[in-house]
Amino acid sequence: MGNRYTKNPRPWRDCFWEKVDVRGEDDCWPWKAGKNSAGYGKMKVAGQTQYAT
């Protein structure tokens, strides 16, 4: 059984790009993962929650 606090061995950049809906060069690239109450993207990096600005 896994532990939700287990460190992710994958580079944070790989995790980041999996959460982005990459579209055309001039298009908006929506965030597909967790968001804060204002709708901005968030993800954990090295155990710290990072927010889009």
N, C-alpha and C. Protein backbone atom coordinates (compact mmCIF):
# COMPACT_ATOMS: atom_id res chain seq x y z
N MET A 1 0.84 -1.18 0.00
CA MET A 1 0.00 0.00 0.00
C MET A 1 0.89 1.24 0.00
N GLY A 2 0.61 2.17 -0.89
CA GLY A 2 1.43 3.36 -1.03
C GLY A 2 1.18 4.39 0.07
N ASN A 3 2.14 5.24 0.25
CA ASN A 3 2.04 6.32 1.21
C ASN A 3 1.93 7.62 0.42
N ARG A 4 0.92 8.43 0.68
CA ARG A 4 0.73 9.64 -0.10
C ARG A 4 1.84 10.66 0.13
N TYR A 5 2.69 10.44 1.13
CA TYR A 5 3.78 11.35 1.41
C TYR A 5 5.11 10.87 0.83
N THR A 6 5.08 9.78 0.07
CA THR A 6 6.30 9.27 -0.53
C THR A 6 6.83 10.29 -1.52
N LYS A 7 8.13 10.52 -1.50
CA LYS A 7 8.73 11.47 -2.42
C LYS A 7 8.63 10.96 -3.85
N ASN A 8 8.35 11.86 -4.76
CA ASN A 8 8.26 11.52 -6.17
C ASN A 8 9.66 11.59 -6.77
N PRO A 9 10.19 10.47 -7.27
CA PRO A 9 11.55 10.47 -7.79
C PRO A 9 11.70 11.15 -9.16
N ARG A 10 10.58 11.49 -9.79
CA ARG A 10 10.65 12.10 -11.12
C ARG A 10 10.99 13.58 -11.02
N PRO A 11 11.70 14.11 -12.01
CA PRO A 11 12.02 15.55 -12.01
C PRO A 11 10.73 16.39 -12.03
N TRP A 12 10.76 17.51 -11.29
CA TRP A 12 9.57 18.36 -11.21
C TRP A 12 9.16 18.89 -12.58
N ARG A 13 10.11 19.10 -13.48
CA ARG A 13 9.77 19.61 -14.81
C ARG A 13 8.90 18.63 -15.58
N ASP A 14 9.17 17.34 -15.44
CA ASP A 14 8.34 16.32 -16.10
C ASP A 14 6.92 16.36 -15.54
N CYS A 15 6.82 16.45 -14.22
CA CYS A 15 5.50 16.52 -13.58
C CYS A 15 4.76 17.78 -14.01
N PHE A 16 5.47 18.90 -14.11
CA PHE A 16 4.86 20.16 -14.53
C PHE A 16 4.24 20.05 -15.92
N TRP A 17 5.01 19.57 -16.89
CA TRP A 17 4.52 19.54 -18.27
C TRP A 17 3.39 18.55 -18.47
N GLU A 18 3.26 17.54 -17.61
CA GLU A 18 2.11 16.63 -17.68
C GLU A 18 0.82 17.34 -17.29
N LYS A 19 0.94 18.44 -16.57
CA LYS A 19 -0.22 19.17 -16.06
C LYS A 19 -0.62 20.34 -16.96
N VAL A 20 0.08 20.53 -18.06
CA VAL A 20 -0.19 21.64 -18.98
C VAL A 20 -0.77 21.10 -20.28
N ASP A 21 -1.85 21.71 -20.73
CA ASP A 21 -2.46 21.37 -22.02
C ASP A 21 -1.78 22.23 -23.08
N VAL A 22 -0.68 21.72 -23.63
CA VAL A 22 0.11 22.47 -24.61
C VAL A 22 -0.65 22.55 -25.92
N ARG A 23 -0.84 23.77 -26.38
CA ARG A 23 -1.57 24.02 -27.63
C ARG A 23 -0.67 24.78 -28.58
N GLY A 24 -1.25 25.56 -29.46
CA GLY A 24 -0.47 26.32 -30.44
C GLY A 24 0.41 27.37 -29.79
N GLU A 25 1.40 27.83 -30.54
CA GLU A 25 2.38 28.79 -30.03
C GLU A 25 1.72 30.07 -29.51
N ASP A 26 0.67 30.53 -30.15
CA ASP A 26 0.00 31.77 -29.76
C ASP A 26 -1.27 31.53 -28.93
N ASP A 27 -1.52 30.28 -28.53
CA ASP A 27 -2.72 29.95 -27.76
C ASP A 27 -2.43 29.95 -26.26
N CYS A 28 -3.49 30.02 -25.49
CA CYS A 28 -3.39 29.85 -24.04
C CYS A 28 -3.10 28.37 -23.75
N TRP A 29 -2.26 28.08 -22.77
CA TRP A 29 -1.95 26.71 -22.39
C TRP A 29 -2.57 26.45 -21.02
N PRO A 30 -3.79 25.93 -20.97
CA PRO A 30 -4.49 25.73 -19.69
C PRO A 30 -3.80 24.73 -18.77
N TRP A 31 -3.95 24.98 -17.48
CA TRP A 31 -3.46 24.10 -16.43
C TRP A 31 -4.50 23.02 -16.20
N LYS A 32 -4.09 21.74 -16.22
CA LYS A 32 -5.02 20.62 -16.12
C LYS A 32 -5.11 20.02 -14.72
N ALA A 33 -4.32 20.52 -13.79
CA ALA A 33 -4.26 19.89 -12.47
C ALA A 33 -4.88 20.78 -11.39
N GLY A 34 -4.42 20.63 -10.16
CA GLY A 34 -4.99 21.35 -9.03
C GLY A 34 -4.89 22.86 -9.17
N LYS A 35 -5.89 23.54 -8.61
CA LYS A 35 -5.94 25.00 -8.65
C LYS A 35 -6.30 25.52 -7.27
N ASN A 36 -5.90 26.76 -6.99
CA ASN A 36 -6.29 27.37 -5.73
C ASN A 36 -7.69 27.97 -5.86
N SER A 37 -8.19 28.60 -4.81
CA SER A 37 -9.56 29.12 -4.82
C SER A 37 -9.76 30.23 -5.85
N ALA A 38 -8.68 30.88 -6.28
CA ALA A 38 -8.76 31.92 -7.31
C ALA A 38 -8.65 31.34 -8.72
N GLY A 39 -8.44 30.02 -8.81
CA GLY A 39 -8.36 29.37 -10.11
C GLY A 39 -6.97 29.28 -10.70
N TYR A 40 -5.95 29.68 -9.93
CA TYR A 40 -4.58 29.60 -10.41
C TYR A 40 -4.00 28.21 -10.14
N GLY A 41 -3.14 27.75 -11.04
CA GLY A 41 -2.54 26.43 -10.91
C GLY A 41 -1.63 26.31 -9.70
N LYS A 42 -1.55 25.07 -9.18
CA LYS A 42 -0.64 24.80 -8.07
C LYS A 42 -0.12 23.38 -8.19
N MET A 43 1.09 23.16 -7.68
CA MET A 43 1.68 21.82 -7.63
C MET A 43 2.75 21.82 -6.56
N LYS A 44 3.10 20.62 -6.10
CA LYS A 44 4.15 20.49 -5.09
C LYS A 44 5.49 20.26 -5.77
N VAL A 45 6.49 20.99 -5.28
CA VAL A 45 7.88 20.83 -5.73
C VAL A 45 8.72 20.74 -4.47
N ALA A 46 9.44 19.64 -4.31
CA ALA A 46 10.28 19.42 -3.13
C ALA A 46 9.49 19.59 -1.84
N GLY A 47 8.24 19.10 -1.83
CA GLY A 47 7.41 19.14 -0.64
C GLY A 47 6.74 20.47 -0.36
N GLN A 48 6.98 21.47 -1.20
CA GLN A 48 6.40 22.80 -1.02
C GLN A 48 5.38 23.06 -2.13
N THR A 49 4.21 23.59 -1.77
CA THR A 49 3.22 23.94 -2.78
C THR A 49 3.65 25.21 -3.48
N GLN A 50 3.71 25.14 -4.80
CA GLN A 50 4.06 26.28 -5.64
C GLN A 50 2.81 26.73 -6.38
N TYR A 51 2.60 28.03 -6.46
CA TYR A 51 1.42 28.59 -7.11
C TYR A 51 1.81 29.36 -8.35
N ALA A 52 0.96 29.28 -9.37
CA ALA A 52 1.17 30.07 -10.58
C ALA A 52 0.90 31.54 -10.24
N THR A 53 1.63 32.41 -10.91
CA THR A 53 1.41 33.85 -10.70
C THR A 53 1.15 34.53 -12.01
